Amino acid sequence: MTADPGGAAPLLRISDLTVRFGPVLAVDEVSLDVAPGPFGLGLVGESGSGKSTIGRAIVRLVPWTGGSITFADQDVGPLRGSALKAYRRDAQIVFQDPDNSLDPRMPVGATIAGTSCPADSASGSRSPGRSASGRGCLSWTSRPAPWTSAPRRTS
């Protein structure tokens, strides 16, 4: 996958990412670029193919044994403390089963407002209030306004 053909630098660049768990090679030299923008990236593959391991490595929940990860032109390998915490907030991942990652009793707007808006991360700015950021993220969707206050419905 390549960055924005318009020439913008990738927001996230993964180069030759390798993850091992002891003798087990879990991820073998994965490379991808994610362009800045509101859409992010979805990894799709068979069970056991390394999707979650790649996501965990991106936010540094598991160490990688080869390659590099940069976010907004910053190497994430040496990040520690508050810098790592801020990066994890900006890089956010949702694992394979979003129904287990989201609280069905919370309104979608409240759930989204509890996170950073991708547009804020891409621009390097922070919204003054999380609810404003949540409304901004919801404006990208085609969902009607009641979704901002009504609980998510699961079937």
N, C-alpha and C. Protein backbone atom coordinates (compact mmCIF):
# COMPACT_ATOMS: atom_id res chain seq x y z
N MET A 1 0.86 -1.16 0.00
CA MET A 1 0.00 0.00 0.00
C MET A 1 0.90 1.23 0.00
N THR A 2 0.54 2.24 -0.74
CA THR A 2 1.37 3.43 -0.84
C THR A 2 0.65 4.64 -0.28
N ALA A 3 1.41 5.67 -0.05
CA ALA A 3 0.87 6.91 0.50
C ALA A 3 0.02 7.61 -0.54
N ASP A 4 -0.56 8.72 -0.17
CA ASP A 4 -1.41 9.55 -1.01
C ASP A 4 -0.69 9.87 -2.32
N PRO A 5 -1.32 9.53 -3.47
CA PRO A 5 -0.66 9.82 -4.74
C PRO A 5 -0.47 11.31 -4.97
N GLY A 6 -1.17 12.17 -4.22
CA GLY A 6 -1.01 13.61 -4.34
C GLY A 6 0.31 14.10 -3.78
N GLY A 7 1.11 13.22 -3.19
CA GLY A 7 2.42 13.60 -2.72
C GLY A 7 2.52 13.88 -1.23
N ALA A 8 1.41 13.80 -0.49
CA ALA A 8 1.47 14.04 0.95
C ALA A 8 2.25 12.91 1.62
N ALA A 9 3.03 13.27 2.60
CA ALA A 9 3.77 12.26 3.37
C ALA A 9 2.77 11.38 4.11
N PRO A 10 3.06 10.09 4.26
CA PRO A 10 2.12 9.22 4.98
C PRO A 10 2.02 9.62 6.44
N LEU A 11 0.82 9.48 7.00
CA LEU A 11 0.63 9.71 8.43
C LEU A 11 1.29 8.59 9.21
N LEU A 12 1.11 7.36 8.72
CA LEU A 12 1.70 6.18 9.34
C LEU A 12 2.50 5.43 8.30
N ARG A 13 3.74 5.12 8.61
CA ARG A 13 4.58 4.32 7.70
C ARG A 13 5.14 3.15 8.49
N ILE A 14 4.89 1.96 7.97
CA ILE A 14 5.42 0.73 8.55
C ILE A 14 6.36 0.14 7.51
N SER A 15 7.60 -0.08 7.89
CA SER A 15 8.61 -0.59 6.95
C SER A 15 9.21 -1.89 7.47
N ASP A 16 9.00 -2.96 6.73
CA ASP A 16 9.60 -4.27 7.02
C ASP A 16 9.37 -4.72 8.46
N LEU A 17 8.16 -4.52 8.97
CA LEU A 17 7.83 -4.89 10.36
C LEU A 17 7.90 -6.39 10.54
N THR A 18 8.67 -6.82 11.53
CA THR A 18 8.79 -8.22 11.89
C THR A 18 8.53 -8.36 13.38
N VAL A 19 7.68 -9.32 13.75
CA VAL A 19 7.38 -9.59 15.15
C VAL A 19 7.57 -11.08 15.39
N ARG A 20 8.34 -11.39 16.43
CA ARG A 20 8.56 -12.78 16.82
C ARG A 20 8.11 -12.96 18.26
N PHE A 21 7.53 -14.12 18.52
CA PHE A 21 7.23 -14.54 19.89
C PHE A 21 8.08 -15.79 20.11
N GLY A 22 9.27 -15.58 20.69
CA GLY A 22 10.21 -16.69 20.81
C GLY A 22 10.61 -17.16 19.42
N PRO A 23 10.49 -18.47 19.17
CA PRO A 23 10.88 -18.98 17.85
C PRO A 23 9.79 -18.77 16.78
N VAL A 24 8.61 -18.32 17.18
CA VAL A 24 7.49 -18.18 16.25
C VAL A 24 7.56 -16.84 15.53
N LEU A 25 7.58 -16.89 14.21
CA LEU A 25 7.56 -15.69 13.39
C LEU A 25 6.09 -15.32 13.17
N ALA A 26 5.61 -14.29 13.88
CA ALA A 26 4.19 -13.90 13.82
C ALA A 26 3.90 -12.95 12.67
N VAL A 27 4.82 -12.02 12.40
CA VAL A 27 4.67 -11.05 11.31
C VAL A 27 6.02 -10.99 10.61
N ASP A 28 6.00 -11.10 9.29
CA ASP A 28 7.24 -11.18 8.53
C ASP A 28 7.35 -10.07 7.50
N GLU A 29 8.12 -9.04 7.83
CA GLU A 29 8.47 -7.94 6.92
C GLU A 29 7.27 -7.29 6.24
N VAL A 30 6.31 -6.83 7.04
CA VAL A 30 5.13 -6.13 6.52
C VAL A 30 5.48 -4.66 6.35
N SER A 31 5.10 -4.10 5.21
CA SER A 31 5.31 -2.67 4.93
C SER A 31 4.01 -2.08 4.41
N LEU A 32 3.67 -0.91 4.90
CA LEU A 32 2.50 -0.20 4.39
C LEU A 32 2.58 1.27 4.79
N ASP A 33 1.92 2.10 4.00
CA ASP A 33 1.80 3.53 4.28
C ASP A 33 0.32 3.85 4.39
N VAL A 34 -0.05 4.70 5.34
CA VAL A 34 -1.42 5.18 5.48
C VAL A 34 -1.38 6.69 5.30
N ALA A 35 -2.10 7.16 4.29
CA ALA A 35 -2.14 8.60 4.00
C ALA A 35 -2.97 9.32 5.06
N PRO A 36 -2.69 10.60 5.30
CA PRO A 36 -3.53 11.37 6.22
C PRO A 36 -4.94 11.47 5.66
N GLY A 37 -5.90 11.52 6.53
CA GLY A 37 -7.29 11.65 6.10
C GLY A 37 -8.22 11.00 7.09
N PRO A 38 -9.50 11.09 6.85
CA PRO A 38 -10.47 10.64 7.84
C PRO A 38 -10.76 9.15 7.84
N PHE A 39 -10.16 8.37 6.93
CA PHE A 39 -10.65 7.02 6.75
C PHE A 39 -9.86 5.93 7.45
N GLY A 40 -8.59 6.12 7.74
CA GLY A 40 -7.81 5.12 8.43
C GLY A 40 -7.53 3.89 7.59
N LEU A 41 -7.35 2.76 8.24
CA LEU A 41 -6.97 1.52 7.57
C LEU A 41 -7.66 0.36 8.25
N GLY A 42 -8.16 -0.56 7.47
CA GLY A 42 -8.70 -1.81 8.01
C GLY A 42 -7.86 -2.96 7.51
N LEU A 43 -7.38 -3.80 8.41
CA LEU A 43 -6.63 -5.00 8.03
C LEU A 43 -7.60 -6.17 8.01
N VAL A 44 -7.63 -6.89 6.91
CA VAL A 44 -8.52 -8.02 6.74
C VAL A 44 -7.69 -9.23 6.37
N GLY A 45 -7.99 -10.35 6.99
CA GLY A 45 -7.27 -11.57 6.67
C GLY A 45 -7.80 -12.74 7.47
N GLU A 46 -7.25 -13.89 7.20
CA GLU A 46 -7.67 -15.11 7.88
C GLU A 46 -7.28 -15.06 9.35
N SER A 47 -7.95 -15.86 10.13
CA SER A 47 -7.62 -16.00 11.54
C SER A 47 -6.17 -16.46 11.66
N GLY A 48 -5.41 -15.80 12.52
CA GLY A 48 -4.02 -16.17 12.73
C GLY A 48 -3.05 -15.58 11.73
N SER A 49 -3.53 -14.67 10.88
CA SER A 49 -2.65 -14.11 9.84
C SER A 49 -1.78 -12.95 10.33
N GLY A 50 -2.01 -12.47 11.55
CA GLY A 50 -1.16 -11.42 12.11
C GLY A 50 -1.80 -10.05 12.20
N LYS A 51 -3.08 -9.93 11.89
CA LYS A 51 -3.75 -8.63 11.92
C LYS A 51 -3.65 -7.96 13.29
N SER A 52 -4.04 -8.67 14.32
CA SER A 52 -4.01 -8.09 15.66
C SER A 52 -2.59 -7.84 16.13
N THR A 53 -1.67 -8.71 15.76
CA THR A 53 -0.26 -8.52 16.13
C THR A 53 0.29 -7.25 15.49
N ILE A 54 -0.06 -7.01 14.23
CA ILE A 54 0.37 -5.76 13.57
C ILE A 54 -0.21 -4.56 14.31
N GLY A 55 -1.50 -4.61 14.63
CA GLY A 55 -2.13 -3.51 15.38
C GLY A 55 -1.47 -3.28 16.72
N ARG A 56 -1.21 -4.36 17.44
CA ARG A 56 -0.55 -4.24 18.76
C ARG A 56 0.86 -3.68 18.62
N ALA A 57 1.57 -4.08 17.57
CA ALA A 57 2.92 -3.56 17.35
C ALA A 57 2.87 -2.07 17.01
N ILE A 58 1.88 -1.67 16.21
CA ILE A 58 1.75 -0.26 15.83
C ILE A 58 1.63 0.63 17.07
N VAL A 59 0.85 0.19 18.06
CA VAL A 59 0.68 1.01 19.27
C VAL A 59 1.62 0.58 20.39
N ARG A 60 2.60 -0.25 20.04
CA ARG A 60 3.65 -0.68 20.95
C ARG A 60 3.15 -1.47 22.16
N LEU A 61 2.14 -2.30 21.93
CA LEU A 61 1.70 -3.21 22.98
C LEU A 61 2.51 -4.50 22.95
N VAL A 62 3.12 -4.79 21.80
CA VAL A 62 4.08 -5.88 21.68
C VAL A 62 5.33 -5.33 21.00
N PRO A 63 6.50 -5.81 21.38
CA PRO A 63 7.72 -5.32 20.73
C PRO A 63 7.90 -5.95 19.35
N TRP A 64 8.51 -5.20 18.44
CA TRP A 64 8.83 -5.77 17.14
C TRP A 64 10.31 -6.04 17.11
N THR A 65 10.69 -7.04 16.30
CA THR A 65 12.09 -7.46 16.26
C THR A 65 12.82 -6.98 15.02
N GLY A 66 12.08 -6.37 14.10
CA GLY A 66 12.71 -5.83 12.90
C GLY A 66 11.81 -4.81 12.25
N GLY A 67 12.41 -3.91 11.50
CA GLY A 67 11.65 -2.89 10.79
C GLY A 67 11.49 -1.62 11.61
N SER A 68 10.60 -0.74 11.11
CA SER A 68 10.38 0.53 11.80
C SER A 68 8.95 0.99 11.60
N ILE A 69 8.50 1.83 12.53
CA ILE A 69 7.17 2.44 12.47
C ILE A 69 7.34 3.93 12.72
N THR A 70 6.82 4.74 11.81
CA THR A 70 6.82 6.19 12.01
C THR A 70 5.39 6.69 11.92
N PHE A 71 5.09 7.68 12.73
CA PHE A 71 3.78 8.31 12.77
C PHE A 71 3.99 9.81 12.71
N ALA A 72 3.42 10.46 11.71
CA ALA A 72 3.60 11.90 11.52
C ALA A 72 5.09 12.25 11.50
N ASP A 73 5.86 11.46 10.75
CA ASP A 73 7.31 11.64 10.58
C ASP A 73 8.12 11.49 11.87
N GLN A 74 7.57 10.82 12.88
CA GLN A 74 8.29 10.59 14.13
C GLN A 74 8.44 9.09 14.34
N ASP A 75 9.66 8.64 14.61
CA ASP A 75 9.93 7.24 14.91
C ASP A 75 9.27 6.91 16.23
N VAL A 76 8.39 5.91 16.25
CA VAL A 76 7.68 5.59 17.49
C VAL A 76 8.47 4.64 18.38
N GLY A 77 9.55 4.04 17.86
CA GLY A 77 10.35 3.09 18.65
C GLY A 77 10.87 3.65 19.96
N PRO A 78 11.46 4.84 19.96
CA PRO A 78 12.02 5.35 21.22
C PRO A 78 11.03 6.07 22.13
N LEU A 79 9.76 6.17 21.77
CA LEU A 79 8.80 6.90 22.60
C LEU A 79 8.64 6.24 23.97
N ARG A 80 8.58 7.06 25.00
CA ARG A 80 8.39 6.59 26.37
C ARG A 80 7.45 7.54 27.11
N GLY A 81 6.89 7.08 28.20
CA GLY A 81 6.12 7.92 29.11
C GLY A 81 4.97 8.65 28.44
N SER A 82 4.89 9.96 28.70
CA SER A 82 3.76 10.76 28.20
C SER A 82 3.76 10.85 26.67
N ALA A 83 4.94 10.80 26.04
CA ALA A 83 5.00 10.83 24.58
C ALA A 83 4.38 9.55 23.99
N LEU A 84 4.64 8.40 24.60
CA LEU A 84 4.05 7.15 24.15
C LEU A 84 2.54 7.16 24.38
N LYS A 85 2.11 7.66 25.52
CA LYS A 85 0.68 7.74 25.82
C LYS A 85 -0.04 8.63 24.81
N ALA A 86 0.55 9.76 24.46
CA ALA A 86 -0.05 10.67 23.47
C ALA A 86 -0.10 10.00 22.10
N TYR A 87 0.96 9.30 21.73
CA TYR A 87 0.99 8.59 20.45
C TYR A 87 -0.11 7.54 20.40
N ARG A 88 -0.27 6.76 21.46
CA ARG A 88 -1.30 5.72 21.48
C ARG A 88 -2.69 6.32 21.35
N ARG A 89 -2.90 7.47 21.94
CA ARG A 89 -4.18 8.17 21.81
C ARG A 89 -4.43 8.55 20.35
N ASP A 90 -3.39 9.01 19.68
CA ASP A 90 -3.53 9.44 18.28
C ASP A 90 -3.65 8.26 17.32
N ALA A 91 -2.97 7.16 17.60
CA ALA A 91 -2.91 6.04 16.66
C ALA A 91 -4.10 5.08 16.79
N GLN A 92 -4.82 5.10 17.84
CA GLN A 92 -5.98 4.25 18.15
C GLN A 92 -6.25 3.09 17.21
N ILE A 93 -6.47 1.93 17.80
CA ILE A 93 -6.86 0.76 17.03
C ILE A 93 -8.13 0.17 17.63
N VAL A 94 -8.92 -0.46 16.79
CA VAL A 94 -10.09 -1.23 17.22
C VAL A 94 -9.83 -2.65 16.75
N PHE A 95 -9.84 -3.58 17.69
CA PHE A 95 -9.51 -4.95 17.34
C PHE A 95 -10.65 -5.63 16.59
N GLN A 96 -10.44 -6.87 16.22
CA GLN A 96 -11.28 -7.60 15.28
C GLN A 96 -12.77 -7.53 15.54
N ASP A 97 -13.20 -7.55 16.76
CA ASP A 97 -14.62 -7.59 17.07
C ASP A 97 -15.06 -6.28 17.70
N PRO A 98 -15.52 -5.31 16.89
CA PRO A 98 -15.85 -4.00 17.45
C PRO A 98 -17.01 -4.05 18.44
N ASP A 99 -17.89 -5.06 18.34
CA ASP A 99 -18.98 -5.15 19.30
C ASP A 99 -18.46 -5.44 20.71
N ASN A 100 -17.30 -6.07 20.82
CA ASN A 100 -16.71 -6.28 22.14
C ASN A 100 -15.82 -5.11 22.56
N SER A 101 -15.53 -4.21 21.62
CA SER A 101 -14.70 -3.05 21.92
C SER A 101 -15.53 -1.82 22.27
N LEU A 102 -16.80 -1.83 21.89
CA LEU A 102 -17.68 -0.68 22.12
C LEU A 102 -18.74 -1.06 23.15
N ASP A 103 -19.18 -0.09 23.93
CA ASP A 103 -20.19 -0.31 24.96
C ASP A 103 -21.56 -0.03 24.37
N PRO A 104 -22.43 -1.03 24.20
CA PRO A 104 -23.73 -0.81 23.57
C PRO A 104 -24.67 0.07 24.41
N ARG A 105 -24.34 0.30 25.68
CA ARG A 105 -25.18 1.16 26.52
C ARG A 105 -24.85 2.63 26.36
N MET A 106 -23.73 2.93 25.71
CA MET A 106 -23.31 4.33 25.53
C MET A 106 -23.76 4.85 24.18
N PRO A 107 -24.17 6.12 24.11
CA PRO A 107 -24.46 6.72 22.81
C PRO A 107 -23.18 6.75 21.95
N VAL A 108 -23.37 6.61 20.65
CA VAL A 108 -22.23 6.62 19.75
C VAL A 108 -21.42 7.91 19.91
N GLY A 109 -22.13 9.04 20.06
CA GLY A 109 -21.44 10.32 20.23
C GLY A 109 -20.54 10.33 21.45
N ALA A 110 -21.03 9.74 22.56
CA ALA A 110 -20.23 9.69 23.78
C ALA A 110 -19.02 8.78 23.61
N THR A 111 -19.21 7.67 22.90
CA THR A 111 -18.09 6.76 22.65
C THR A 111 -17.02 7.44 21.83
N ILE A 112 -17.45 8.10 20.76
CA ILE A 112 -16.48 8.77 19.89
C ILE A 112 -15.86 9.96 20.59
N ALA A 113 -16.64 10.67 21.40
CA ALA A 113 -16.10 11.83 22.11
C ALA A 113 -15.03 11.43 23.11
N GLY A 114 -15.01 10.16 23.53
CA GLY A 114 -13.99 9.68 24.46
C GLY A 114 -12.68 9.37 23.78
N THR A 115 -12.60 9.58 22.48
CA THR A 115 -11.38 9.33 21.73
C THR A 115 -10.93 10.62 21.06
N SER A 116 -9.78 10.57 20.45
CA SER A 116 -9.31 11.70 19.65
C SER A 116 -9.86 11.55 18.24
N CYS A 117 -10.16 12.64 17.60
CA CYS A 117 -10.66 12.64 16.24
C CYS A 117 -9.48 12.49 15.29
N PRO A 118 -9.55 11.60 14.29
CA PRO A 118 -8.43 11.44 13.36
C PRO A 118 -8.01 12.74 12.69
N ALA A 119 -8.97 13.63 12.44
CA ALA A 119 -8.61 14.91 11.82
C ALA A 119 -7.70 15.72 12.74
N ASP A 120 -7.94 15.62 14.06
CA ASP A 120 -7.08 16.32 15.02
C ASP A 120 -5.67 15.77 14.96
N SER A 121 -5.54 14.44 14.87
CA SER A 121 -4.22 13.81 14.83
C SER A 121 -3.47 14.20 13.57
N ALA A 122 -4.18 14.19 12.44
CA ALA A 122 -3.53 14.50 11.17
C ALA A 122 -3.06 15.93 11.11
N SER A 123 -3.84 16.84 11.71
CA SER A 123 -3.48 18.25 11.64
C SER A 123 -2.53 18.66 12.77
N GLY A 124 -2.40 17.77 13.77
CA GLY A 124 -1.53 18.09 14.90
C GLY A 124 -2.21 18.95 15.95
N SER A 125 -3.50 19.24 15.77
CA SER A 125 -4.20 20.08 16.74
C SER A 125 -5.03 19.22 17.67
N ARG A 126 -5.50 19.80 18.71
CA ARG A 126 -6.38 19.15 19.67
C ARG A 126 -7.64 19.98 19.81
N SER A 127 -8.78 19.31 19.85
CA SER A 127 -10.03 20.03 20.05
C SER A 127 -10.08 20.50 21.50
N PRO A 128 -10.70 21.68 21.76
CA PRO A 128 -10.78 22.15 23.13
C PRO A 128 -11.62 21.25 24.01
N GLY A 129 -12.61 20.57 23.45
CA GLY A 129 -13.43 19.66 24.23
C GLY A 129 -13.66 18.38 23.48
N ARG A 130 -13.66 17.27 24.20
CA ARG A 130 -13.83 15.98 23.52
C ARG A 130 -15.20 15.88 22.85
N SER A 131 -16.25 16.49 23.43
CA SER A 131 -17.56 16.38 22.80
C SER A 131 -17.57 17.10 21.46
N ALA A 132 -16.84 18.20 21.34
CA ALA A 132 -16.74 18.90 20.06
C ALA A 132 -16.03 18.02 19.05
N SER A 133 -14.97 17.32 19.51
CA SER A 133 -14.24 16.42 18.62
C SER A 133 -15.14 15.28 18.18
N GLY A 134 -15.94 14.74 19.09
CA GLY A 134 -16.86 13.66 18.75
C GLY A 134 -17.89 14.10 17.72
N ARG A 135 -18.44 15.30 17.88
CA ARG A 135 -19.39 15.82 16.90
C ARG A 135 -18.72 15.98 15.55
N GLY A 136 -17.47 16.45 15.54
CA GLY A 136 -16.75 16.61 14.29
C GLY A 136 -16.55 15.28 13.59
N CYS A 137 -16.20 14.25 14.35
CA CYS A 137 -16.02 12.92 13.75
C CYS A 137 -17.34 12.40 13.22
N LEU A 138 -18.41 12.59 13.97
CA LEU A 138 -19.71 12.12 13.51
C LEU A 138 -20.18 12.84 12.26
N SER A 139 -19.72 14.08 12.07
CA SER A 139 -20.14 14.82 10.87
C SER A 139 -19.60 14.16 9.60
N TRP A 140 -18.58 13.30 9.73
CA TRP A 140 -18.02 12.61 8.56
C TRP A 140 -18.93 11.48 8.11
N THR A 141 -19.83 11.03 8.98
CA THR A 141 -20.67 9.89 8.65
C THR A 141 -21.97 10.36 8.03
N SER A 142 -22.73 9.42 7.51
CA SER A 142 -24.04 9.75 6.95
C SER A 142 -25.14 9.48 7.97
N ARG A 143 -24.76 9.24 9.22
CA ARG A 143 -25.74 8.96 10.27
C ARG A 143 -26.48 10.23 10.67
N PRO A 144 -27.79 10.11 10.92
CA PRO A 144 -28.55 11.29 11.35
C PRO A 144 -28.17 11.70 12.77
N ALA A 145 -28.52 12.93 13.11
CA ALA A 145 -28.16 13.51 14.41
C ALA A 145 -28.56 12.66 15.61
N PRO A 146 -29.69 11.93 15.62
CA PRO A 146 -30.01 11.15 16.81
C PRO A 146 -28.93 10.16 17.22
N TRP A 147 -28.07 9.75 16.28
CA TRP A 147 -27.01 8.82 16.63
C TRP A 147 -26.04 9.42 17.62
N THR A 148 -26.04 10.74 17.74
CA THR A 148 -25.12 11.37 18.69
C THR A 148 -25.61 11.24 20.11
N SER A 149 -26.90 10.97 20.30
CA SER A 149 -27.41 10.89 21.68
C SER A 149 -28.08 9.56 21.99
N ALA A 150 -28.52 8.82 20.98
CA ALA A 150 -29.20 7.54 21.23
C ALA A 150 -28.18 6.43 21.41
N PRO A 151 -28.44 5.48 22.32
CA PRO A 151 -27.52 4.35 22.47
C PRO A 151 -27.44 3.55 21.18
N ARG A 152 -26.26 2.90 20.99
CA ARG A 152 -26.09 2.00 19.85
C ARG A 152 -27.03 0.84 20.03
N ARG A 153 -27.61 0.38 18.96
CA ARG A 153 -28.47 -0.78 19.03
C ARG A 153 -27.74 -1.96 18.40
N THR A 154 -27.72 -3.07 19.13
CA THR A 154 -27.11 -4.27 18.57
C THR A 154 -28.20 -5.31 18.43
N SER A 155 -28.12 -6.11 17.40
CA SER A 155 -29.13 -7.15 17.16
C SER A 155 -28.57 -8.50 17.48
